[in-house]
Amino acid sequence: MRRWVLALACLAASGASAQDIASAEATVIQYADAVAAGDWATAAALMDPVDLERFSELAALIAGDDPITASLLGVRADSSPEDLLAAFVGAAMGANPFMEDAFASISTEVLGTVTEGDRLAHVVARTEVSLLGTPIRSIETTTLLWDGAAWKIGMNAELEGMLVGMKAAMENPELFGMEDDYEEGYYQMDTAWPRDPKKQ
């Protein structure tokens, strides 16, 4: 009898887990579609509130510390999380003229999901973008967190790294060859990367 009870419990757990996995995978597809469409309000709504707040605080700090950068991005320190997300991701895309088209061409095929406990899921997907007509495929892992009602997208390392890099560039312009730009009172977005020593 005890063995049957355990078997039924496992079946019930498997059914709930399958439903949760389907929901997590659907959230990843929705997020990818929102990014491809440039729908930052939807993308922000699908993000984990804690991670979105971390992103907003760091982005607002950058915007508040550097009014010129904030003006270039079209944001203020008190801008909404959606506006900050759109501005900073837009800046990253603007640094490469082909990125906007690449983002718009994103297609995502979910391959599988690994769960950790009841509140964490890692969705593995094959992502394809078109860059200058050439398909580029990669395998991406998206971490989602359960907020009690729905799965939410965790901030990925690339987005967080971009913000940390921009903050480091402002705090240490000499490391990125931008000290002259700051002294002259302006900051060009395309000088955020280390300069080629051969061209100096």
N, C-alpha and C. Protein backbone atom coordinates (compact mmCIF):
# COMPACT_ATOMS: atom_id res chain seq x y z
N MET A 1 0.84 -1.20 0.00
CA MET A 1 0.00 0.00 0.00
C MET A 1 0.87 1.26 0.00
N ARG A 2 1.89 1.25 0.84
CA ARG A 2 2.78 2.41 0.93
C ARG A 2 3.46 2.66 -0.41
N ARG A 3 3.84 1.56 -1.10
CA ARG A 3 4.51 1.70 -2.39
C ARG A 3 3.59 2.36 -3.41
N TRP A 4 2.30 2.01 -3.40
CA TRP A 4 1.33 2.61 -4.32
C TRP A 4 1.15 4.09 -4.03
N VAL A 5 1.12 4.44 -2.74
CA VAL A 5 0.98 5.85 -2.37
C VAL A 5 2.16 6.65 -2.89
N LEU A 6 3.37 6.10 -2.73
CA LEU A 6 4.56 6.79 -3.22
C LEU A 6 4.53 6.93 -4.74
N ALA A 7 4.07 5.88 -5.42
CA ALA A 7 4.00 5.93 -6.88
C ALA A 7 3.01 6.99 -7.34
N LEU A 8 1.85 7.07 -6.71
CA LEU A 8 0.86 8.08 -7.06
C LEU A 8 1.38 9.48 -6.78
N ALA A 9 2.11 9.63 -5.68
CA ALA A 9 2.68 10.94 -5.34
C ALA A 9 3.68 11.37 -6.41
N CYS A 10 4.48 10.42 -6.89
CA CYS A 10 5.46 10.74 -7.93
C CYS A 10 4.77 11.14 -9.22
N LEU A 11 3.69 10.45 -9.57
CA LEU A 11 2.94 10.79 -10.78
C LEU A 11 2.34 12.18 -10.67
N ALA A 12 1.78 12.49 -9.51
CA ALA A 12 1.19 13.81 -9.30
C ALA A 12 2.25 14.89 -9.41
N ALA A 13 3.42 14.63 -8.82
CA ALA A 13 4.50 15.61 -8.88
C ALA A 13 4.98 15.79 -10.30
N SER A 14 5.05 14.68 -11.08
CA SER A 14 5.50 14.77 -12.46
C SER A 14 4.55 15.61 -13.28
N GLY A 15 3.23 15.45 -13.05
CA GLY A 15 2.25 16.24 -13.79
C GLY A 15 2.39 17.71 -13.50
N ALA A 16 2.55 18.07 -12.25
CA ALA A 16 2.70 19.48 -11.87
C ALA A 16 3.98 20.04 -12.44
N SER A 17 5.05 19.23 -12.40
CA SER A 17 6.33 19.69 -12.91
C SER A 17 6.26 19.94 -14.41
N ALA A 18 5.60 19.04 -15.14
CA ALA A 18 5.47 19.21 -16.58
C ALA A 18 4.71 20.48 -16.92
N GLN A 19 3.67 20.76 -16.15
CA GLN A 19 2.90 21.98 -16.38
C GLN A 19 3.75 23.21 -16.09
N ASP A 20 4.53 23.17 -15.01
CA ASP A 20 5.39 24.29 -14.66
C ASP A 20 6.46 24.50 -15.73
N ILE A 21 7.01 23.40 -16.23
CA ILE A 21 8.04 23.50 -17.27
C ILE A 21 7.48 24.13 -18.53
N ALA A 22 6.27 23.72 -18.92
CA ALA A 22 5.64 24.30 -20.11
C ALA A 22 5.44 25.79 -19.94
N SER A 23 5.06 26.20 -18.74
CA SER A 23 4.85 27.62 -18.46
C SER A 23 6.16 28.39 -18.53
N ALA A 24 7.23 27.80 -17.98
CA ALA A 24 8.54 28.46 -18.02
C ALA A 24 9.03 28.60 -19.46
N GLU A 25 8.86 27.56 -20.25
CA GLU A 25 9.31 27.60 -21.64
C GLU A 25 8.50 28.61 -22.45
N ALA A 26 7.20 28.70 -22.17
CA ALA A 26 6.36 29.68 -22.86
C ALA A 26 6.80 31.10 -22.53
N THR A 27 7.23 31.31 -21.28
CA THR A 27 7.69 32.64 -20.87
C THR A 27 8.95 33.04 -21.63
N VAL A 28 9.85 32.09 -21.85
CA VAL A 28 11.07 32.37 -22.60
C VAL A 28 10.73 32.78 -24.04
N ILE A 29 9.78 32.08 -24.66
CA ILE A 29 9.36 32.42 -26.02
C ILE A 29 8.73 33.81 -26.05
N GLN A 30 7.88 34.12 -25.07
CA GLN A 30 7.24 35.44 -25.01
C GLN A 30 8.29 36.54 -24.87
N TYR A 31 9.28 36.29 -24.03
CA TYR A 31 10.33 37.29 -23.81
C TYR A 31 11.14 37.50 -25.09
N ALA A 32 11.50 36.41 -25.77
CA ALA A 32 12.26 36.52 -27.02
C ALA A 32 11.46 37.28 -28.07
N ASP A 33 10.16 37.01 -28.15
CA ASP A 33 9.30 37.72 -29.10
C ASP A 33 9.23 39.21 -28.77
N ALA A 34 9.16 39.53 -27.48
CA ALA A 34 9.09 40.94 -27.06
C ALA A 34 10.38 41.67 -27.41
N VAL A 35 11.52 41.03 -27.18
CA VAL A 35 12.81 41.64 -27.52
C VAL A 35 12.92 41.85 -29.02
N ALA A 36 12.50 40.84 -29.79
CA ALA A 36 12.57 40.95 -31.25
C ALA A 36 11.71 42.10 -31.76
N ALA A 37 10.58 42.34 -31.09
CA ALA A 37 9.67 43.40 -31.51
C ALA A 37 10.02 44.75 -30.91
N GLY A 38 11.02 44.78 -30.02
CA GLY A 38 11.35 46.03 -29.34
C GLY A 38 10.28 46.45 -28.35
N ASP A 39 9.50 45.49 -27.87
CA ASP A 39 8.41 45.76 -26.92
C ASP A 39 8.98 45.67 -25.51
N TRP A 40 9.59 46.77 -25.06
CA TRP A 40 10.31 46.73 -23.79
C TRP A 40 9.39 46.72 -22.59
N ALA A 41 8.17 47.22 -22.74
CA ALA A 41 7.20 47.16 -21.64
C ALA A 41 6.87 45.71 -21.32
N THR A 42 6.64 44.92 -22.37
CA THR A 42 6.36 43.50 -22.17
C THR A 42 7.59 42.77 -21.66
N ALA A 43 8.76 43.08 -22.23
CA ALA A 43 10.00 42.44 -21.78
C ALA A 43 10.24 42.71 -20.30
N ALA A 44 10.04 43.96 -19.89
CA ALA A 44 10.24 44.32 -18.48
C ALA A 44 9.24 43.61 -17.59
N ALA A 45 7.99 43.49 -18.06
CA ALA A 45 6.96 42.83 -17.26
C ALA A 45 7.26 41.35 -17.07
N LEU A 46 8.00 40.76 -18.00
CA LEU A 46 8.34 39.34 -17.90
C LEU A 46 9.59 39.09 -17.08
N MET A 47 10.32 40.16 -16.73
CA MET A 47 11.55 40.00 -15.96
C MET A 47 11.25 39.85 -14.47
N ASP A 48 12.14 39.17 -13.78
CA ASP A 48 12.02 39.03 -12.33
C ASP A 48 12.07 40.42 -11.69
N PRO A 49 11.08 40.79 -10.86
CA PRO A 49 11.04 42.13 -10.28
C PRO A 49 12.30 42.51 -9.51
N VAL A 50 12.90 41.55 -8.82
CA VAL A 50 14.11 41.85 -8.06
C VAL A 50 15.26 42.17 -9.00
N ASP A 51 15.42 41.37 -10.06
CA ASP A 51 16.49 41.63 -11.02
C ASP A 51 16.22 42.91 -11.80
N LEU A 52 14.96 43.17 -12.13
CA LEU A 52 14.62 44.40 -12.84
C LEU A 52 14.94 45.61 -11.98
N GLU A 53 14.70 45.49 -10.68
CA GLU A 53 15.01 46.58 -9.76
C GLU A 53 16.52 46.79 -9.68
N ARG A 54 17.29 45.70 -9.64
CA ARG A 54 18.75 45.81 -9.64
C ARG A 54 19.23 46.50 -10.91
N PHE A 55 18.66 46.09 -12.03
CA PHE A 55 19.02 46.71 -13.31
C PHE A 55 18.68 48.19 -13.30
N SER A 56 17.48 48.52 -12.81
CA SER A 56 17.03 49.91 -12.80
C SER A 56 17.91 50.77 -11.91
N GLU A 57 18.28 50.24 -10.74
CA GLU A 57 19.12 51.00 -9.82
C GLU A 57 20.48 51.30 -10.43
N LEU A 58 21.07 50.30 -11.09
CA LEU A 58 22.39 50.50 -11.70
C LEU A 58 22.29 51.44 -12.90
N ALA A 59 21.26 51.25 -13.72
CA ALA A 59 21.07 52.12 -14.88
C ALA A 59 20.78 53.55 -14.45
N ALA A 60 19.96 53.71 -13.41
CA ALA A 60 19.64 55.05 -12.91
C ALA A 60 20.88 55.71 -12.32
N LEU A 61 21.73 54.92 -11.67
CA LEU A 61 22.98 55.46 -11.11
C LEU A 61 23.86 56.00 -12.22
N ILE A 62 23.96 55.24 -13.31
CA ILE A 62 24.76 55.69 -14.45
C ILE A 62 24.16 56.97 -15.04
N ALA A 63 22.85 56.98 -15.22
CA ALA A 63 22.17 58.15 -15.79
C ALA A 63 22.32 59.36 -14.88
N GLY A 64 22.26 59.14 -13.54
CA GLY A 64 22.36 60.25 -12.61
C GLY A 64 23.76 60.80 -12.48
N ASP A 65 24.77 59.92 -12.60
CA ASP A 65 26.17 60.34 -12.46
C ASP A 65 26.69 61.05 -13.70
N ASP A 66 26.11 60.77 -14.83
CA ASP A 66 26.62 61.34 -16.09
C ASP A 66 25.47 61.92 -16.90
N PRO A 67 25.13 63.21 -16.67
CA PRO A 67 24.02 63.84 -17.38
C PRO A 67 24.17 63.81 -18.89
N ILE A 68 25.41 63.85 -19.37
CA ILE A 68 25.62 63.85 -20.82
C ILE A 68 25.23 62.50 -21.40
N THR A 69 25.66 61.43 -20.74
CA THR A 69 25.27 60.10 -21.19
C THR A 69 23.76 59.94 -21.10
N ALA A 70 23.18 60.41 -19.99
CA ALA A 70 21.73 60.32 -19.82
C ALA A 70 21.00 61.04 -20.95
N SER A 71 21.53 62.21 -21.33
CA SER A 71 20.91 62.97 -22.42
C SER A 71 21.02 62.22 -23.74
N LEU A 72 22.19 61.62 -23.99
CA LEU A 72 22.37 60.84 -25.21
C LEU A 72 21.42 59.66 -25.27
N LEU A 73 21.18 59.05 -24.11
CA LEU A 73 20.29 57.90 -24.05
C LEU A 73 18.83 58.30 -23.98
N GLY A 74 18.56 59.56 -23.66
CA GLY A 74 17.19 60.02 -23.55
C GLY A 74 16.49 59.55 -22.30
N VAL A 75 17.24 59.40 -21.20
CA VAL A 75 16.66 58.94 -19.94
C VAL A 75 17.08 59.86 -18.80
N ARG A 76 16.39 59.70 -17.67
CA ARG A 76 16.75 60.41 -16.44
C ARG A 76 16.92 59.36 -15.34
N ALA A 77 17.45 59.80 -14.22
CA ALA A 77 17.64 58.88 -13.10
C ALA A 77 16.31 58.33 -12.61
N ASP A 78 15.21 59.10 -12.80
CA ASP A 78 13.91 58.65 -12.33
C ASP A 78 13.06 58.05 -13.45
N SER A 79 13.69 57.69 -14.57
CA SER A 79 12.95 57.06 -15.66
C SER A 79 12.43 55.70 -15.23
N SER A 80 11.38 55.24 -15.89
CA SER A 80 10.78 53.95 -15.56
C SER A 80 11.74 52.82 -15.92
N PRO A 81 11.58 51.66 -15.27
CA PRO A 81 12.42 50.51 -15.62
C PRO A 81 12.33 50.16 -17.10
N GLU A 82 11.12 50.28 -17.67
CA GLU A 82 10.95 49.98 -19.10
C GLU A 82 11.78 50.92 -19.96
N ASP A 83 11.76 52.23 -19.63
CA ASP A 83 12.52 53.21 -20.41
C ASP A 83 14.02 52.99 -20.26
N LEU A 84 14.45 52.66 -19.04
CA LEU A 84 15.88 52.41 -18.81
C LEU A 84 16.34 51.17 -19.57
N LEU A 85 15.51 50.14 -19.55
CA LEU A 85 15.84 48.91 -20.27
C LEU A 85 15.95 49.19 -21.77
N ALA A 86 14.97 49.91 -22.31
CA ALA A 86 14.98 50.23 -23.74
C ALA A 86 16.19 51.07 -24.10
N ALA A 87 16.53 52.05 -23.26
CA ALA A 87 17.63 52.96 -23.55
C ALA A 87 18.97 52.25 -23.56
N PHE A 88 19.22 51.44 -22.55
CA PHE A 88 20.53 50.81 -22.45
C PHE A 88 20.71 49.67 -23.45
N VAL A 89 19.67 48.90 -23.68
CA VAL A 89 19.78 47.86 -24.70
C VAL A 89 19.85 48.51 -26.08
N GLY A 90 19.10 49.61 -26.24
CA GLY A 90 19.17 50.35 -27.50
C GLY A 90 20.55 50.91 -27.75
N ALA A 91 21.23 51.36 -26.68
CA ALA A 91 22.59 51.87 -26.83
C ALA A 91 23.54 50.76 -27.26
N ALA A 92 23.34 49.57 -26.69
CA ALA A 92 24.18 48.44 -27.07
C ALA A 92 23.96 48.08 -28.54
N MET A 93 22.71 48.13 -28.98
CA MET A 93 22.42 47.83 -30.38
C MET A 93 22.95 48.93 -31.29
N GLY A 94 22.87 50.19 -30.81
CA GLY A 94 23.32 51.31 -31.62
C GLY A 94 24.81 51.31 -31.84
N ALA A 95 25.56 50.66 -30.93
CA ALA A 95 27.01 50.58 -31.09
C ALA A 95 27.40 49.71 -32.28
N ASN A 96 26.47 48.86 -32.70
CA ASN A 96 26.69 48.01 -33.87
C ASN A 96 25.50 48.17 -34.80
N PRO A 97 25.68 48.74 -35.98
CA PRO A 97 24.55 49.04 -36.86
C PRO A 97 23.77 47.81 -37.32
N PHE A 98 24.34 46.63 -37.14
CA PHE A 98 23.66 45.42 -37.59
C PHE A 98 22.86 44.75 -36.48
N MET A 99 23.04 45.20 -35.22
CA MET A 99 22.42 44.52 -34.10
C MET A 99 20.90 44.63 -34.10
N GLU A 100 20.38 45.80 -34.51
CA GLU A 100 18.93 45.99 -34.50
C GLU A 100 18.25 44.98 -35.42
N ASP A 101 18.80 44.81 -36.63
CA ASP A 101 18.24 43.81 -37.55
C ASP A 101 18.39 42.41 -36.99
N ALA A 102 19.52 42.16 -36.32
CA ALA A 102 19.74 40.84 -35.74
C ALA A 102 18.72 40.55 -34.65
N PHE A 103 18.46 41.54 -33.78
CA PHE A 103 17.47 41.37 -32.73
C PHE A 103 16.10 41.08 -33.33
N ALA A 104 15.75 41.82 -34.38
CA ALA A 104 14.42 41.67 -34.99
C ALA A 104 14.24 40.29 -35.62
N SER A 105 15.34 39.62 -35.94
CA SER A 105 15.25 38.33 -36.62
C SER A 105 15.34 37.14 -35.67
N ILE A 106 15.34 37.39 -34.38
CA ILE A 106 15.52 36.32 -33.40
C ILE A 106 14.43 35.26 -33.54
N SER A 107 14.85 34.01 -33.59
CA SER A 107 13.91 32.89 -33.49
C SER A 107 14.44 31.95 -32.41
N THR A 108 13.53 31.37 -31.65
CA THR A 108 13.92 30.57 -30.49
C THR A 108 13.22 29.22 -30.51
N GLU A 109 14.00 28.16 -30.35
CA GLU A 109 13.47 26.80 -30.26
C GLU A 109 13.90 26.20 -28.93
N VAL A 110 12.94 25.94 -28.07
CA VAL A 110 13.24 25.39 -26.75
C VAL A 110 13.66 23.93 -26.89
N LEU A 111 14.77 23.58 -26.25
CA LEU A 111 15.30 22.21 -26.30
C LEU A 111 14.98 21.42 -25.05
N GLY A 112 14.88 22.11 -23.92
CA GLY A 112 14.60 21.41 -22.68
C GLY A 112 14.75 22.32 -21.48
N THR A 113 14.35 21.82 -20.34
CA THR A 113 14.37 22.63 -19.11
C THR A 113 14.86 21.80 -17.94
N VAL A 114 15.69 22.42 -17.12
CA VAL A 114 16.16 21.81 -15.88
C VAL A 114 15.65 22.65 -14.73
N THR A 115 15.01 22.02 -13.76
CA THR A 115 14.49 22.75 -12.61
C THR A 115 15.39 22.53 -11.40
N GLU A 116 15.42 23.55 -10.54
CA GLU A 116 16.11 23.46 -9.25
C GLU A 116 15.08 23.79 -8.19
N GLY A 117 14.60 22.77 -7.50
CA GLY A 117 13.57 23.01 -6.51
C GLY A 117 12.28 23.47 -7.18
N ASP A 118 11.49 24.25 -6.45
CA ASP A 118 10.19 24.70 -6.95
C ASP A 118 10.23 26.11 -7.51
N ARG A 119 11.33 26.83 -7.33
CA ARG A 119 11.33 28.25 -7.67
C ARG A 119 12.37 28.66 -8.70
N LEU A 120 13.07 27.69 -9.28
CA LEU A 120 14.13 28.02 -10.23
C LEU A 120 14.09 27.05 -11.41
N ALA A 121 14.18 27.60 -12.61
CA ALA A 121 14.19 26.77 -13.82
C ALA A 121 15.20 27.34 -14.80
N HIS A 122 15.88 26.45 -15.51
CA HIS A 122 16.85 26.86 -16.53
C HIS A 122 16.37 26.29 -17.86
N VAL A 123 15.98 27.18 -18.76
CA VAL A 123 15.46 26.77 -20.06
C VAL A 123 16.58 26.86 -21.10
N VAL A 124 16.85 25.75 -21.75
CA VAL A 124 17.88 25.69 -22.79
C VAL A 124 17.19 25.80 -24.15
N ALA A 125 17.67 26.72 -24.97
CA ALA A 125 17.03 26.94 -26.27
C ALA A 125 18.06 27.17 -27.35
N ARG A 126 17.69 26.79 -28.57
CA ARG A 126 18.53 27.10 -29.74
C ARG A 126 18.03 28.43 -30.31
N THR A 127 18.91 29.41 -30.34
CA THR A 127 18.56 30.74 -30.84
C THR A 127 19.22 30.97 -32.18
N GLU A 128 18.46 31.55 -33.09
CA GLU A 128 19.01 31.87 -34.41
C GLU A 128 18.72 33.32 -34.75
N VAL A 129 19.72 34.04 -35.20
CA VAL A 129 19.55 35.40 -35.69
C VAL A 129 20.19 35.48 -37.08
N SER A 130 19.75 36.47 -37.83
CA SER A 130 20.32 36.68 -39.16
C SER A 130 21.17 37.93 -39.14
N LEU A 131 22.44 37.79 -39.49
CA LEU A 131 23.36 38.92 -39.51
C LEU A 131 23.93 39.04 -40.92
N LEU A 132 23.54 40.13 -41.59
CA LEU A 132 23.95 40.35 -42.98
C LEU A 132 23.57 39.16 -43.86
N GLY A 133 22.38 38.61 -43.56
CA GLY A 133 21.89 37.50 -44.37
C GLY A 133 22.44 36.15 -43.99
N THR A 134 23.32 36.11 -43.02
CA THR A 134 23.92 34.85 -42.59
C THR A 134 23.29 34.39 -41.28
N PRO A 135 22.70 33.19 -41.24
CA PRO A 135 22.12 32.71 -39.99
C PRO A 135 23.20 32.35 -38.97
N ILE A 136 23.02 32.83 -37.76
CA ILE A 136 23.96 32.53 -36.67
C ILE A 136 23.18 31.83 -35.57
N ARG A 137 23.60 30.63 -35.24
CA ARG A 137 22.89 29.83 -34.25
C ARG A 137 23.74 29.70 -32.98
N SER A 138 23.05 29.67 -31.87
CA SER A 138 23.74 29.47 -30.59
C SER A 138 22.80 28.78 -29.62
N ILE A 139 23.37 28.21 -28.60
CA ILE A 139 22.59 27.58 -27.54
C ILE A 139 22.61 28.51 -26.34
N GLU A 140 21.44 28.92 -25.90
CA GLU A 140 21.33 29.86 -24.79
C GLU A 140 20.59 29.21 -23.62
N THR A 141 21.02 29.55 -22.42
CA THR A 141 20.32 29.10 -21.22
C THR A 141 19.73 30.30 -20.51
N THR A 142 18.44 30.27 -20.28
CA THR A 142 17.74 31.36 -19.60
C THR A 142 17.27 30.88 -18.24
N THR A 143 17.62 31.61 -17.21
CA THR A 143 17.19 31.27 -15.85
C THR A 143 15.91 32.02 -15.51
N LEU A 144 14.94 31.29 -15.00
CA LEU A 144 13.67 31.88 -14.59
C LEU A 144 13.43 31.62 -13.12
N LEU A 145 12.74 32.56 -12.47
CA LEU A 145 12.41 32.45 -11.06
C LEU A 145 10.90 32.48 -10.89
N TRP A 146 10.38 31.63 -10.03
CA TRP A 146 8.95 31.57 -9.76
C TRP A 146 8.60 32.59 -8.69
N ASP A 147 7.66 33.50 -8.99
CA ASP A 147 7.32 34.56 -8.04
C ASP A 147 6.06 34.25 -7.23
N GLY A 148 5.57 33.02 -7.34
CA GLY A 148 4.37 32.64 -6.63
C GLY A 148 3.15 32.58 -7.52
N ALA A 149 3.23 33.24 -8.68
CA ALA A 149 2.11 33.24 -9.61
C ALA A 149 2.54 32.95 -11.05
N ALA A 150 3.80 33.28 -11.37
CA ALA A 150 4.27 33.10 -12.75
C ALA A 150 5.79 33.01 -12.76
N TRP A 151 6.32 32.48 -13.86
CA TRP A 151 7.77 32.45 -14.05
C TRP A 151 8.25 33.80 -14.57
N LYS A 152 9.37 34.26 -14.03
CA LYS A 152 9.94 35.54 -14.44
C LYS A 152 11.38 35.34 -14.91
N ILE A 153 11.77 36.11 -15.93
CA ILE A 153 13.09 36.00 -16.52
C ILE A 153 14.14 36.66 -15.62
N GLY A 154 15.20 35.93 -15.32
CA GLY A 154 16.31 36.51 -14.56
C GLY A 154 17.22 37.32 -15.48
N MET A 155 17.83 38.37 -14.95
CA MET A 155 18.73 39.19 -15.76
C MET A 155 19.95 38.36 -16.15
N ASN A 156 20.26 38.35 -17.46
CA ASN A 156 21.39 37.53 -17.91
C ASN A 156 22.71 38.24 -17.68
N ALA A 157 23.78 37.45 -17.77
CA ALA A 157 25.11 37.97 -17.47
C ALA A 157 25.53 39.04 -18.47
N GLU A 158 25.10 38.91 -19.73
CA GLU A 158 25.50 39.87 -20.75
C GLU A 158 24.95 41.26 -20.45
N LEU A 159 23.67 41.32 -20.06
CA LEU A 159 23.04 42.61 -19.76
C LEU A 159 23.67 43.24 -18.53
N GLU A 160 23.87 42.43 -17.49
CA GLU A 160 24.49 42.95 -16.28
C GLU A 160 25.93 43.38 -16.56
N GLY A 161 26.64 42.59 -17.37
CA GLY A 161 28.01 42.94 -17.71
C GLY A 161 28.11 44.24 -18.49
N MET A 162 27.13 44.48 -19.38
CA MET A 162 27.12 45.72 -20.14
C MET A 162 27.00 46.93 -19.21
N LEU A 163 26.09 46.82 -18.23
CA LEU A 163 25.90 47.93 -17.30
C LEU A 163 27.13 48.15 -16.43
N VAL A 164 27.68 47.05 -15.92
CA VAL A 164 28.88 47.16 -15.08
C VAL A 164 30.02 47.77 -15.88
N GLY A 165 30.14 47.37 -17.15
CA GLY A 165 31.19 47.92 -18.00
C GLY A 165 31.02 49.41 -18.24
N MET A 166 29.78 49.85 -18.47
CA MET A 166 29.53 51.28 -18.68
C MET A 166 29.83 52.07 -17.41
N LYS A 167 29.45 51.51 -16.26
CA LYS A 167 29.72 52.18 -14.99
C LYS A 167 31.23 52.27 -14.76
N ALA A 168 31.95 51.19 -15.06
CA ALA A 168 33.41 51.19 -14.89
C ALA A 168 34.06 52.20 -15.83
N ALA A 169 33.52 52.34 -17.05
CA ALA A 169 34.08 53.29 -18.01
C ALA A 169 33.93 54.72 -17.52
N MET A 170 32.81 55.02 -16.86
CA MET A 170 32.60 56.37 -16.34
C MET A 170 33.48 56.64 -15.12
N GLU A 171 33.63 55.62 -14.27
CA GLU A 171 34.41 55.82 -13.05
C GLU A 171 35.91 55.80 -13.32
N ASN A 172 36.33 55.12 -14.38
CA ASN A 172 37.75 55.01 -14.71
C ASN A 172 37.97 55.28 -16.19
N PRO A 173 37.69 56.50 -16.65
CA PRO A 173 37.79 56.79 -18.09
C PRO A 173 39.18 56.57 -18.66
N GLU A 174 40.22 56.70 -17.81
CA GLU A 174 41.58 56.53 -18.31
C GLU A 174 41.84 55.10 -18.77
N LEU A 175 41.11 54.14 -18.19
CA LEU A 175 41.30 52.75 -18.58
C LEU A 175 40.74 52.47 -19.97
N PHE A 176 39.82 53.33 -20.40
CA PHE A 176 39.16 53.12 -21.69
C PHE A 176 39.56 54.20 -22.71
N GLY A 177 40.57 55.01 -22.35
CA GLY A 177 41.02 56.04 -23.27
C GLY A 177 40.03 57.16 -23.46
N MET A 178 39.22 57.46 -22.44
CA MET A 178 38.18 58.48 -22.59
C MET A 178 38.42 59.71 -21.74
N GLU A 179 39.60 59.79 -21.08
CA GLU A 179 39.82 60.91 -20.17
C GLU A 179 39.76 62.25 -20.89
N ASP A 180 40.26 62.32 -22.13
CA ASP A 180 40.22 63.58 -22.86
C ASP A 180 38.79 63.99 -23.18
N ASP A 181 37.96 63.00 -23.50
CA ASP A 181 36.57 63.30 -23.81
C ASP A 181 35.86 63.89 -22.60
N TYR A 182 36.12 63.33 -21.41
CA TYR A 182 35.48 63.84 -20.22
C TYR A 182 35.98 65.24 -19.88
N GLU A 183 37.28 65.45 -20.05
CA GLU A 183 37.84 66.77 -19.74
C GLU A 183 37.26 67.84 -20.66
N GLU A 184 36.96 67.46 -21.90
CA GLU A 184 36.41 68.41 -22.85
C GLU A 184 34.91 68.58 -22.68
N GLY A 185 34.30 67.79 -21.80
CA GLY A 185 32.90 67.97 -21.47
C GLY A 185 31.93 67.24 -22.36
N TYR A 186 32.39 66.23 -23.06
CA TYR A 186 31.46 65.44 -23.85
C TYR A 186 31.89 63.99 -23.83
N TYR A 187 30.94 63.14 -24.19
CA TYR A 187 31.21 61.71 -24.16
C TYR A 187 30.50 61.07 -25.34
N GLN A 188 31.27 60.46 -26.22
CA GLN A 188 30.70 59.79 -27.38
C GLN A 188 30.50 58.31 -27.05
N MET A 189 29.33 57.77 -27.41
CA MET A 189 29.04 56.38 -27.10
C MET A 189 30.05 55.42 -27.73
N ASP A 190 30.60 55.78 -28.91
CA ASP A 190 31.49 54.85 -29.57
C ASP A 190 32.90 54.85 -29.00
N THR A 191 33.15 55.65 -27.95
CA THR A 191 34.46 55.63 -27.30
C THR A 191 34.44 54.79 -26.04
N ALA A 192 33.38 54.01 -25.85
CA ALA A 192 33.26 53.21 -24.63
C ALA A 192 34.18 51.99 -24.65
N TRP A 193 34.80 51.69 -25.79
CA TRP A 193 35.67 50.54 -25.88
C TRP A 193 37.13 50.98 -25.89
N PRO A 194 38.04 50.15 -25.40
CA PRO A 194 39.46 50.52 -25.40
C PRO A 194 39.93 50.88 -26.80
N ARG A 195 40.74 51.92 -26.89
CA ARG A 195 41.23 52.36 -28.19
C ARG A 195 42.37 51.48 -28.68
N ASP A 196 42.52 51.42 -29.98
CA ASP A 196 43.60 50.66 -30.60
C ASP A 196 44.90 51.44 -30.40
N PRO A 197 45.89 50.88 -29.68
CA PRO A 197 47.15 51.61 -29.43
C PRO A 197 47.83 52.04 -30.72
N LYS A 198 47.66 51.30 -31.81
CA LYS A 198 48.31 51.63 -33.07
C LYS A 198 47.77 52.92 -33.67
N LYS A 199 46.54 53.29 -33.25
CA LYS A 199 45.91 54.48 -33.82
C LYS A 199 46.10 55.71 -32.95
N GLN A 200 46.73 55.54 -31.79
CA GLN A 200 46.92 56.67 -30.89
C GLN A 200 48.17 57.46 -31.24
